[in-house]
Amino acid sequence: QVQLVESGGGLVQPGGSLRLSCAASGSDFRLYAMGWYRQAPGKQREWVATITRGAITNSATSVKGRFTISRDNAKNTVYLQMNSLKPEDTAVYYCNADGTSFGLGTYWGQGTQVTVSS
C-alpha cells in the first residue's frame, strides 16, 4: 500500500508559479507510474500529467508548455512545476500512484488547493 501526501498549494496571482510536491511512503516508489489530476468546483476530476517508471512524461493540452512533472526516486517524491498560471488552473490537485503494471493498486493523495486569482 502507498500513502501519498501533497504539499505546495496556495494562492498565487495570474502569471505566477507554484511547485507541488507529493511524498510517497509504504511501498517501492519505483514500481509506480505517478500522475497529477485536478478537480475544479462543479467539475469532474481531470488528468493533468503523468510520469512513467522510466521518467517518460505526458501532459494535458491545457497545461502543455506551462506545467512540468518530474520525479525523484531517491526521495520518493513527484513534483509538478506550474508556471504561467491562469485563473482556470484553480482546482484541488491530487497525486496518483498507479502500480497496475505490477499487479499493484492505484492510490490517491488527499489533495492540495491551488487558487489563481488577483
N, C-alpha and C. Protein backbone atom coordinates (compact mmCIF):
# COMPACT_ATOMS: atom_id res chain seq x y z
N GLN A 1 0.84 -1.19 0.00
CA GLN A 1 0.00 0.00 0.00
C GLN A 1 0.87 1.24 0.00
N VAL A 2 0.35 2.31 -0.60
CA VAL A 2 1.10 3.55 -0.73
C VAL A 2 0.33 4.68 -0.07
N GLN A 3 1.03 5.49 0.69
CA GLN A 3 0.45 6.71 1.24
C GLN A 3 1.07 7.89 0.48
N LEU A 4 0.21 8.81 0.07
CA LEU A 4 0.63 9.97 -0.70
C LEU A 4 0.22 11.24 0.02
N VAL A 5 1.16 12.16 0.17
CA VAL A 5 0.88 13.43 0.84
C VAL A 5 1.34 14.58 -0.07
N GLU A 6 0.38 15.37 -0.52
CA GLU A 6 0.69 16.52 -1.37
C GLU A 6 0.98 17.76 -0.53
N SER A 7 1.75 18.65 -1.09
CA SER A 7 2.02 19.93 -0.45
C SER A 7 2.40 20.93 -1.54
N GLY A 8 2.41 22.21 -1.16
CA GLY A 8 2.86 23.24 -2.07
C GLY A 8 1.76 24.08 -2.70
N GLY A 9 0.51 23.76 -2.41
CA GLY A 9 -0.57 24.56 -2.95
C GLY A 9 -0.67 25.91 -2.26
N GLY A 10 -1.53 26.76 -2.80
CA GLY A 10 -1.72 28.07 -2.19
C GLY A 10 -2.38 29.03 -3.15
N LEU A 11 -2.32 30.30 -2.78
CA LEU A 11 -2.89 31.38 -3.58
C LEU A 11 -1.77 32.07 -4.36
N VAL A 12 -1.98 32.23 -5.65
CA VAL A 12 -0.97 32.86 -6.50
C VAL A 12 -1.67 33.75 -7.52
N GLN A 13 -1.02 34.81 -7.93
CA GLN A 13 -1.58 35.71 -8.92
C GLN A 13 -1.45 35.11 -10.33
N PRO A 14 -2.32 35.51 -11.23
CA PRO A 14 -2.17 35.06 -12.62
C PRO A 14 -0.78 35.37 -13.15
N GLY A 15 -0.21 34.40 -13.86
CA GLY A 15 1.14 34.53 -14.36
C GLY A 15 2.21 34.03 -13.42
N GLY A 16 1.82 33.72 -12.20
CA GLY A 16 2.77 33.25 -11.21
C GLY A 16 3.08 31.77 -11.32
N SER A 17 3.87 31.29 -10.37
CA SER A 17 4.31 29.90 -10.37
C SER A 17 4.13 29.26 -9.01
N LEU A 18 3.94 27.96 -9.03
CA LEU A 18 3.92 27.14 -7.83
C LEU A 18 4.56 25.81 -8.16
N ARG A 19 5.13 25.17 -7.14
CA ARG A 19 5.61 23.81 -7.31
C ARG A 19 4.92 22.92 -6.29
N LEU A 20 4.19 21.94 -6.78
CA LEU A 20 3.56 20.97 -5.92
C LEU A 20 4.49 19.78 -5.71
N SER A 21 4.42 19.22 -4.52
CA SER A 21 5.18 18.01 -4.20
C SER A 21 4.22 16.93 -3.71
N CYS A 22 4.60 15.70 -3.97
CA CYS A 22 3.82 14.56 -3.48
C CYS A 22 4.81 13.54 -2.95
N ALA A 23 4.80 13.36 -1.64
CA ALA A 23 5.71 12.42 -0.99
C ALA A 23 5.00 11.08 -0.80
N ALA A 24 5.66 10.02 -1.24
CA ALA A 24 5.09 8.68 -1.16
C ALA A 24 5.81 7.86 -0.10
N SER A 25 5.05 6.97 0.53
CA SER A 25 5.63 6.06 1.51
C SER A 25 4.85 4.76 1.50
N GLY A 26 5.48 3.72 2.01
CA GLY A 26 4.77 2.47 2.22
C GLY A 26 5.01 1.40 1.20
N SER A 27 5.60 1.73 0.07
CA SER A 27 5.86 0.73 -0.95
C SER A 27 7.00 1.21 -1.82
N ASP A 28 7.43 0.37 -2.76
CA ASP A 28 8.54 0.73 -3.63
C ASP A 28 8.08 1.75 -4.66
N PHE A 29 8.48 2.98 -4.45
CA PHE A 29 8.05 4.10 -5.29
C PHE A 29 8.39 3.86 -6.75
N ARG A 30 9.50 3.18 -7.00
CA ARG A 30 9.97 3.00 -8.38
C ARG A 30 9.04 2.12 -9.21
N LEU A 31 8.16 1.37 -8.58
CA LEU A 31 7.25 0.48 -9.30
C LEU A 31 6.01 1.19 -9.83
N TYR A 32 5.84 2.45 -9.45
CA TYR A 32 4.61 3.15 -9.76
C TYR A 32 4.82 4.24 -10.81
N ALA A 33 3.88 4.28 -11.76
CA ALA A 33 3.75 5.47 -12.58
C ALA A 33 3.03 6.51 -11.72
N MET A 34 3.45 7.75 -11.82
CA MET A 34 2.89 8.80 -10.98
C MET A 34 2.19 9.85 -11.83
N GLY A 35 1.12 10.38 -11.27
CA GLY A 35 0.38 11.38 -12.03
C GLY A 35 -0.20 12.47 -11.15
N TRP A 36 -0.59 13.53 -11.80
CA TRP A 36 -1.32 14.62 -11.15
C TRP A 36 -2.66 14.79 -11.86
N TYR A 37 -3.68 14.99 -11.05
CA TYR A 37 -5.02 15.26 -11.52
C TYR A 37 -5.53 16.49 -10.80
N ARG A 38 -6.60 17.08 -11.32
CA ARG A 38 -7.18 18.22 -10.62
C ARG A 38 -8.69 18.21 -10.75
N GLN A 39 -9.32 18.86 -9.80
CA GLN A 39 -10.78 18.96 -9.80
C GLN A 39 -11.18 20.36 -9.40
N ALA A 40 -11.81 21.04 -10.33
CA ALA A 40 -12.32 22.39 -10.06
C ALA A 40 -13.74 22.28 -9.51
N PRO A 41 -14.21 23.30 -8.81
CA PRO A 41 -15.57 23.26 -8.25
C PRO A 41 -16.61 23.01 -9.32
N GLY A 42 -17.48 22.03 -9.08
CA GLY A 42 -18.55 21.73 -10.01
C GLY A 42 -18.14 20.96 -11.24
N LYS A 43 -16.87 20.54 -11.30
CA LYS A 43 -16.39 19.81 -12.47
C LYS A 43 -15.85 18.45 -12.07
N GLN A 44 -15.71 17.58 -13.07
CA GLN A 44 -15.13 16.27 -12.80
C GLN A 44 -13.62 16.37 -12.68
N ARG A 45 -13.06 15.40 -12.00
CA ARG A 45 -11.61 15.34 -11.89
C ARG A 45 -11.02 15.08 -13.27
N GLU A 46 -9.95 15.81 -13.58
CA GLU A 46 -9.32 15.66 -14.89
C GLU A 46 -7.83 15.39 -14.74
N TRP A 47 -7.32 14.67 -15.70
CA TRP A 47 -5.90 14.35 -15.74
C TRP A 47 -5.08 15.58 -16.12
N VAL A 48 -3.95 15.75 -15.45
CA VAL A 48 -3.05 16.86 -15.73
C VAL A 48 -1.76 16.39 -16.36
N ALA A 49 -1.08 15.44 -15.72
CA ALA A 49 0.22 14.99 -16.22
C ALA A 49 0.56 13.64 -15.61
N THR A 50 1.41 12.91 -16.33
CA THR A 50 1.87 11.60 -15.88
C THR A 50 3.36 11.47 -16.13
N ILE A 51 4.03 10.73 -15.24
CA ILE A 51 5.42 10.36 -15.46
C ILE A 51 5.54 8.87 -15.19
N THR A 52 6.09 8.14 -16.14
CA THR A 52 6.19 6.69 -16.02
C THR A 52 7.35 6.30 -15.12
N ARG A 53 7.47 5.00 -14.89
CA ARG A 53 8.59 4.50 -14.10
C ARG A 53 9.92 4.84 -14.77
N GLY A 54 9.90 4.92 -16.08
CA GLY A 54 11.10 5.27 -16.82
C GLY A 54 11.26 6.75 -17.09
N ALA A 55 10.47 7.57 -16.40
CA ALA A 55 10.56 9.04 -16.47
C ALA A 55 10.11 9.60 -17.81
N ILE A 56 9.26 8.88 -18.52
CA ILE A 56 8.63 9.44 -19.71
C ILE A 56 7.42 10.24 -19.25
N THR A 57 7.31 11.46 -19.75
CA THR A 57 6.24 12.35 -19.29
C THR A 57 5.23 12.63 -20.39
N ASN A 58 4.05 12.99 -19.93
CA ASN A 58 2.99 13.42 -20.83
C ASN A 58 2.09 14.35 -20.03
N SER A 59 1.46 15.27 -20.73
CA SER A 59 0.61 16.23 -20.02
C SER A 59 -0.58 16.61 -20.89
N ALA A 60 -1.59 17.12 -20.23
CA ALA A 60 -2.80 17.55 -20.93
C ALA A 60 -2.52 18.77 -21.80
N THR A 61 -3.27 18.89 -22.86
CA THR A 61 -3.08 20.00 -23.79
C THR A 61 -3.21 21.35 -23.08
N SER A 62 -4.12 21.42 -22.13
CA SER A 62 -4.38 22.68 -21.44
C SER A 62 -3.21 23.18 -20.60
N VAL A 63 -2.29 22.30 -20.26
CA VAL A 63 -1.15 22.71 -19.42
C VAL A 63 0.19 22.51 -20.11
N LYS A 64 0.16 21.95 -21.30
CA LYS A 64 1.42 21.66 -22.00
C LYS A 64 2.19 22.96 -22.25
N GLY A 65 3.48 22.91 -21.94
CA GLY A 65 4.32 24.09 -22.09
C GLY A 65 4.35 24.99 -20.87
N ARG A 66 3.44 24.74 -19.93
CA ARG A 66 3.39 25.54 -18.69
C ARG A 66 3.69 24.70 -17.45
N PHE A 67 3.24 23.46 -17.45
CA PHE A 67 3.43 22.58 -16.29
C PHE A 67 4.45 21.50 -16.65
N THR A 68 5.27 21.14 -15.67
CA THR A 68 6.26 20.08 -15.85
C THR A 68 6.21 19.11 -14.69
N ILE A 69 6.07 17.84 -15.01
CA ILE A 69 6.07 16.80 -13.98
C ILE A 69 7.45 16.17 -13.93
N SER A 70 7.90 15.85 -12.73
CA SER A 70 9.19 15.19 -12.56
C SER A 70 9.12 14.30 -11.33
N ARG A 71 10.10 13.43 -11.19
CA ARG A 71 10.13 12.54 -10.03
C ARG A 71 11.57 12.38 -9.55
N ASP A 72 11.69 12.18 -8.24
CA ASP A 72 12.98 11.91 -7.61
C ASP A 72 12.83 10.60 -6.85
N ASN A 73 13.30 9.52 -7.45
CA ASN A 73 13.11 8.21 -6.83
C ASN A 73 13.87 8.08 -5.52
N ALA A 74 14.96 8.81 -5.38
CA ALA A 74 15.72 8.76 -4.13
C ALA A 74 14.94 9.38 -2.98
N LYS A 75 14.07 10.32 -3.30
CA LYS A 75 13.27 11.00 -2.28
C LYS A 75 11.83 10.51 -2.25
N ASN A 76 11.50 9.54 -3.10
CA ASN A 76 10.11 9.03 -3.17
C ASN A 76 9.11 10.17 -3.37
N THR A 77 9.45 11.08 -4.26
CA THR A 77 8.64 12.28 -4.43
C THR A 77 8.43 12.58 -5.92
N VAL A 78 7.23 13.03 -6.22
CA VAL A 78 6.91 13.52 -7.55
C VAL A 78 6.53 15.00 -7.44
N TYR A 79 6.90 15.75 -8.45
CA TYR A 79 6.69 17.20 -8.43
C TYR A 79 5.84 17.63 -9.62
N LEU A 80 5.19 18.76 -9.44
CA LEU A 80 4.51 19.41 -10.56
C LEU A 80 4.88 20.89 -10.51
N GLN A 81 5.75 21.30 -11.42
CA GLN A 81 6.12 22.70 -11.54
C GLN A 81 5.10 23.38 -12.44
N MET A 82 4.45 24.39 -11.90
CA MET A 82 3.39 25.08 -12.63
C MET A 82 3.79 26.53 -12.85
N ASN A 83 3.94 26.90 -14.10
CA ASN A 83 4.31 28.27 -14.47
C ASN A 83 3.18 28.92 -15.27
N SER A 84 3.24 30.22 -15.38
CA SER A 84 2.25 30.97 -16.16
C SER A 84 0.83 30.57 -15.78
N LEU A 85 0.59 30.55 -14.50
CA LEU A 85 -0.71 30.08 -14.01
C LEU A 85 -1.84 31.01 -14.44
N LYS A 86 -2.99 30.39 -14.68
CA LYS A 86 -4.18 31.10 -15.12
C LYS A 86 -5.31 30.86 -14.11
N PRO A 87 -6.29 31.74 -14.05
CA PRO A 87 -7.42 31.51 -13.14
C PRO A 87 -8.09 30.15 -13.37
N GLU A 88 -8.12 29.69 -14.60
CA GLU A 88 -8.75 28.41 -14.88
C GLU A 88 -7.94 27.21 -14.38
N ASP A 89 -6.76 27.45 -13.87
CA ASP A 89 -5.98 26.38 -13.23
C ASP A 89 -6.40 26.17 -11.78
N THR A 90 -7.27 27.03 -11.28
CA THR A 90 -7.75 26.90 -9.91
C THR A 90 -8.47 25.57 -9.72
N ALA A 91 -8.02 24.79 -8.74
CA ALA A 91 -8.59 23.46 -8.51
C ALA A 91 -7.90 22.84 -7.29
N VAL A 92 -8.45 21.74 -6.85
CA VAL A 92 -7.73 20.87 -5.92
C VAL A 92 -6.91 19.91 -6.75
N TYR A 93 -5.62 19.84 -6.47
CA TYR A 93 -4.71 18.99 -7.23
C TYR A 93 -4.42 17.72 -6.43
N TYR A 94 -4.56 16.58 -7.10
CA TYR A 94 -4.38 15.29 -6.47
C TYR A 94 -3.22 14.52 -7.10
N CYS A 95 -2.47 13.87 -6.26
CA CYS A 95 -1.40 13.00 -6.69
C CYS A 95 -1.94 11.57 -6.81
N ASN A 96 -1.45 10.85 -7.81
CA ASN A 96 -1.90 9.50 -8.07
C ASN A 96 -0.70 8.58 -8.28
N ALA A 97 -0.77 7.40 -7.70
CA ALA A 97 0.25 6.36 -7.91
C ALA A 97 -0.43 5.16 -8.56
N ASP A 98 0.07 4.76 -9.71
CA ASP A 98 -0.53 3.67 -10.47
C ASP A 98 0.45 2.51 -10.57
N GLY A 99 0.15 1.44 -9.84
CA GLY A 99 1.02 0.26 -9.84
C GLY A 99 0.43 -0.92 -10.58
N THR A 100 -0.56 -0.68 -11.43
CA THR A 100 -1.27 -1.78 -12.07
C THR A 100 -0.37 -2.61 -12.98
N SER A 101 0.68 -2.03 -13.51
CA SER A 101 1.59 -2.79 -14.37
C SER A 101 2.25 -3.94 -13.61
N PHE A 102 2.32 -3.82 -12.31
CA PHE A 102 2.92 -4.86 -11.48
C PHE A 102 1.88 -5.55 -10.61
N GLY A 103 0.62 -5.39 -10.97
CA GLY A 103 -0.44 -6.01 -10.18
C GLY A 103 -0.65 -5.35 -8.85
N LEU A 104 -0.15 -4.13 -8.74
CA LEU A 104 -0.34 -3.37 -7.51
C LEU A 104 -1.53 -2.45 -7.66
N GLY A 105 -1.86 -1.75 -6.62
CA GLY A 105 -3.05 -0.93 -6.65
C GLY A 105 -2.83 0.46 -7.19
N THR A 106 -3.90 1.24 -7.16
CA THR A 106 -3.86 2.65 -7.53
C THR A 106 -4.23 3.45 -6.29
N TYR A 107 -3.47 4.50 -6.04
CA TYR A 107 -3.66 5.25 -4.80
C TYR A 107 -3.74 6.75 -5.07
N TRP A 108 -4.43 7.44 -4.17
CA TRP A 108 -4.63 8.88 -4.29
C TRP A 108 -4.19 9.58 -3.01
N GLY A 109 -3.70 10.80 -3.18
CA GLY A 109 -3.46 11.66 -2.05
C GLY A 109 -4.72 12.40 -1.66
N GLN A 110 -4.61 13.24 -0.64
CA GLN A 110 -5.80 13.94 -0.13
C GLN A 110 -6.07 15.24 -0.88
N GLY A 111 -5.12 15.67 -1.67
CA GLY A 111 -5.30 16.88 -2.48
C GLY A 111 -4.73 18.12 -1.83
N THR A 112 -4.37 19.07 -2.68
CA THR A 112 -3.89 20.37 -2.21
C THR A 112 -4.54 21.44 -3.08
N GLN A 113 -5.00 22.50 -2.44
CA GLN A 113 -5.74 23.55 -3.14
C GLN A 113 -4.79 24.52 -3.83
N VAL A 114 -5.06 24.79 -5.09
CA VAL A 114 -4.36 25.83 -5.84
C VAL A 114 -5.39 26.85 -6.29
N THR A 115 -5.17 28.10 -5.92
CA THR A 115 -6.08 29.18 -6.30
C THR A 115 -5.29 30.25 -7.04
N VAL A 116 -5.72 30.54 -8.25
CA VAL A 116 -5.06 31.56 -9.08
C VAL A 116 -6.01 32.74 -9.20
N SER A 117 -5.64 33.83 -8.56
CA SER A 117 -6.54 34.98 -8.51
C SER A 117 -5.75 36.23 -8.20
N SER A 118 -6.23 37.35 -8.73
CA SER A 118 -5.60 38.62 -8.41
C SER A 118 -6.32 39.30 -7.26
